[in-house]
Each structure stands twice: as C-alpha cells, then as structure tokens.
Protein backbone atom coordinates (compact mmCIF):
# COMPACT_ATOMS: atom_id res chain seq x y z
CA MET A 1 6.28 63.12 -20.86
CA ASP A 2 4.86 65.66 -18.42
CA LEU A 3 1.81 65.01 -16.27
CA ALA A 4 -0.57 67.13 -18.36
CA LYS A 5 0.32 65.13 -21.46
CA ALA A 6 -0.02 61.90 -19.47
CA ARG A 7 -3.49 62.84 -18.29
CA SER A 8 -4.49 63.77 -21.85
CA ALA A 9 -3.10 60.51 -23.27
CA ALA A 10 -4.75 58.39 -20.58
CA GLU A 11 -8.10 60.14 -21.02
CA ARG A 12 -8.06 59.49 -24.77
CA SER A 13 -7.22 55.81 -24.44
CA ASP A 14 -9.14 52.98 -22.83
CA GLY A 15 -6.85 50.03 -23.42
CA ALA A 16 -3.30 49.06 -24.12
CA SER A 17 -1.16 50.34 -26.91
CA THR A 18 2.05 48.69 -28.00
CA SER A 19 5.14 50.72 -28.55
CA ASP A 20 7.60 50.05 -31.36
CA THR A 21 9.38 46.85 -30.39
CA SER A 22 10.31 43.65 -32.16
CA GLY A 23 7.30 41.71 -30.85
CA ARG A 24 3.55 42.15 -30.67
CA VAL A 25 1.27 40.91 -27.89
CA ALA A 26 -1.74 39.47 -29.71
CA ASP A 27 -4.02 39.33 -26.67
CA ALA A 28 -3.04 42.64 -25.05
CA ASP A 29 -6.45 44.33 -25.38
CA ARG A 30 -8.31 41.27 -24.08
CA VAL A 31 -5.98 40.79 -21.11
CA ILE A 32 -6.05 44.49 -20.15
CA ALA A 33 -9.86 44.53 -20.41
CA GLY A 34 -9.95 41.59 -18.00
CA LEU A 35 -7.79 43.52 -15.52
CA ARG A 36 -10.14 46.50 -15.25
CA PRO A 37 -12.07 45.15 -12.22
CA LYS A 38 -8.76 44.76 -10.38
CA PHE A 39 -7.72 48.30 -11.40
CA ARG A 40 -11.04 49.48 -9.97
CA ALA A 41 -10.31 47.62 -6.69
CA CYS A 42 -6.99 49.47 -6.44
CA TYR A 43 -8.81 52.76 -6.97
CA GLN A 44 -11.48 51.84 -4.42
CA LYS A 45 -8.78 51.39 -1.76
CA GLY A 46 -7.58 54.89 -2.57
CA LEU A 47 -11.14 56.26 -2.44
CA ASN A 48 -11.58 54.76 1.01
CA ALA A 49 -8.72 56.98 2.19
CA ASP A 50 -9.61 60.02 0.05
CA PRO A 51 -13.18 60.27 -1.26
CA ASN A 52 -12.12 63.01 -3.71
CA LEU A 53 -9.38 60.97 -5.36
CA GLU A 54 -9.21 61.00 -9.13
CA GLY A 55 -6.44 60.97 -11.69
CA CYS A 56 -4.60 58.85 -14.19
CA THR A 57 -1.53 56.72 -14.62
CA ILE A 58 0.30 55.07 -17.46
CA ILE A 59 1.91 51.72 -16.69
CA ARG A 60 4.79 50.53 -18.85
CA ALA A 61 4.70 46.73 -19.10
CA ARG A 62 7.61 44.91 -20.66
CA VAL A 63 6.40 41.53 -21.87
CA ALA A 64 9.32 39.12 -22.30
CA SER A 65 9.51 36.66 -25.17
CA ASP A 66 8.07 33.97 -22.83
CA GLY A 67 5.09 36.13 -21.77
CA THR A 68 6.34 37.12 -18.32
CA VAL A 69 5.79 40.75 -17.35
CA ALA A 70 7.84 43.46 -15.70
CA ALA A 71 5.64 46.51 -15.06
CA GLU A 72 6.38 49.93 -13.67
CA VAL A 73 4.59 53.24 -13.24
CA TYR A 74 5.62 55.35 -16.21
CA VAL A 75 3.86 58.52 -15.11
CA HIS A 76 0.85 59.47 -12.97
CA ALA A 77 -1.22 62.51 -12.08
CA GLY A 78 -3.64 62.83 -9.19
CA LEU A 79 -3.57 59.22 -8.00
CA THR A 80 -1.61 58.27 -4.90
CA PRO A 81 1.60 56.23 -5.11
CA ASP A 82 -0.22 53.35 -3.36
CA VAL A 83 -2.95 53.26 -6.02
CA THR A 84 -0.50 53.45 -8.92
CA ALA A 85 1.73 50.77 -7.36
CA CYS A 86 -1.33 48.55 -6.92
CA ILE A 87 -2.27 48.99 -10.60
CA ALA A 88 1.31 48.23 -11.67
CA GLY A 89 1.21 45.08 -9.53
CA VAL A 90 -1.99 43.96 -11.24
CA VAL A 91 -0.34 44.38 -14.65
CA ARG A 92 2.82 42.63 -13.42
CA ALA A 93 0.78 39.58 -12.37
CA ALA A 94 -1.04 39.34 -15.73
CA SER A 95 -0.46 36.55 -18.24
CA PHE A 96 0.02 37.57 -21.86
CA SER A 97 0.66 35.48 -24.93
CA PRO A 98 4.39 35.32 -25.63
CA PRO A 99 5.24 37.95 -28.24
CA GLY A 100 8.39 36.14 -29.33
CA GLY A 101 11.49 37.91 -30.52
CA ALA A 102 12.94 40.26 -27.96
CA GLY A 103 9.55 40.82 -26.34
CA ALA A 104 7.27 43.84 -26.46
CA THR A 105 6.41 46.92 -24.45
CA LEU A 106 2.84 47.90 -23.64
CA MET A 107 1.79 51.33 -22.43
CA VAL A 108 -1.35 50.87 -20.33
CA PRO A 109 -3.26 54.12 -19.60
CA VAL A 110 -5.74 54.05 -16.71
CA THR A 111 -7.97 57.00 -15.72
CA PHE A 112 -10.37 57.37 -12.80
CA THR A 113 -12.77 60.31 -12.44
CA GLN A 114 -15.41 61.10 -9.88
CA GLN A 115 -18.95 60.17 -10.90
CA HIS A 116 -21.37 62.93 -9.99
C-alpha cells in the first residue's frame, strides 16, 4: 500500500477494522475508542516539536489467541517516526478480549489534521 492510499484509507476510517483471520476481536472498536486520548498525547508531543505536523498512520496489531498484542507501524504519511512509534506502543499495551483460534489482525487507522 502506498502512502496516498494509506492517507485515504485512514481518513475514511475512524476505528479498527479486522482483516481476514481465523479469529475476531469482539471489543476492538471499544478498546480502540478508549485509546484515542493516548493517540492524541502522542500527536501532541509531535506538535510540540513541529506545530505544523499532520498526517496519518495505520498500525497493524496482531492479537494472539490469549489477547496479547504485537503492534507495528504498517504505513504512515506526514507523521514523524516518533509519533507513529508512540501510537504503535499505545496499541501494543492495549488489552483486547481473546479472539481464540489462531488470533486476529487489526488494522488501526489514525489521522491527525490541523484545526484552523
């Protein structure tokens, strides 16, 4: 996926979407919604360094059958590596309901734009 497509996908989505895997994370939308203030804190740190910062990222979170999470930056545009790494760390520390089976993969789009 190129960065233009990533930006478009992240701008259209406001939550988590599950990819095709053997499991489903029942509380994914609720958990991701609860993480938004922490995502915003990551962005604020970036804004402190660059007041013009805006962009998007998509975090790929692999939720194991026991609910533990491995998260990584799938793609990003405009945001700094520090901000995207911070957001990935927030997702990595999240607690999801165990999806069972072989686990599940969540694609978590996050977009920040300047408010004028």
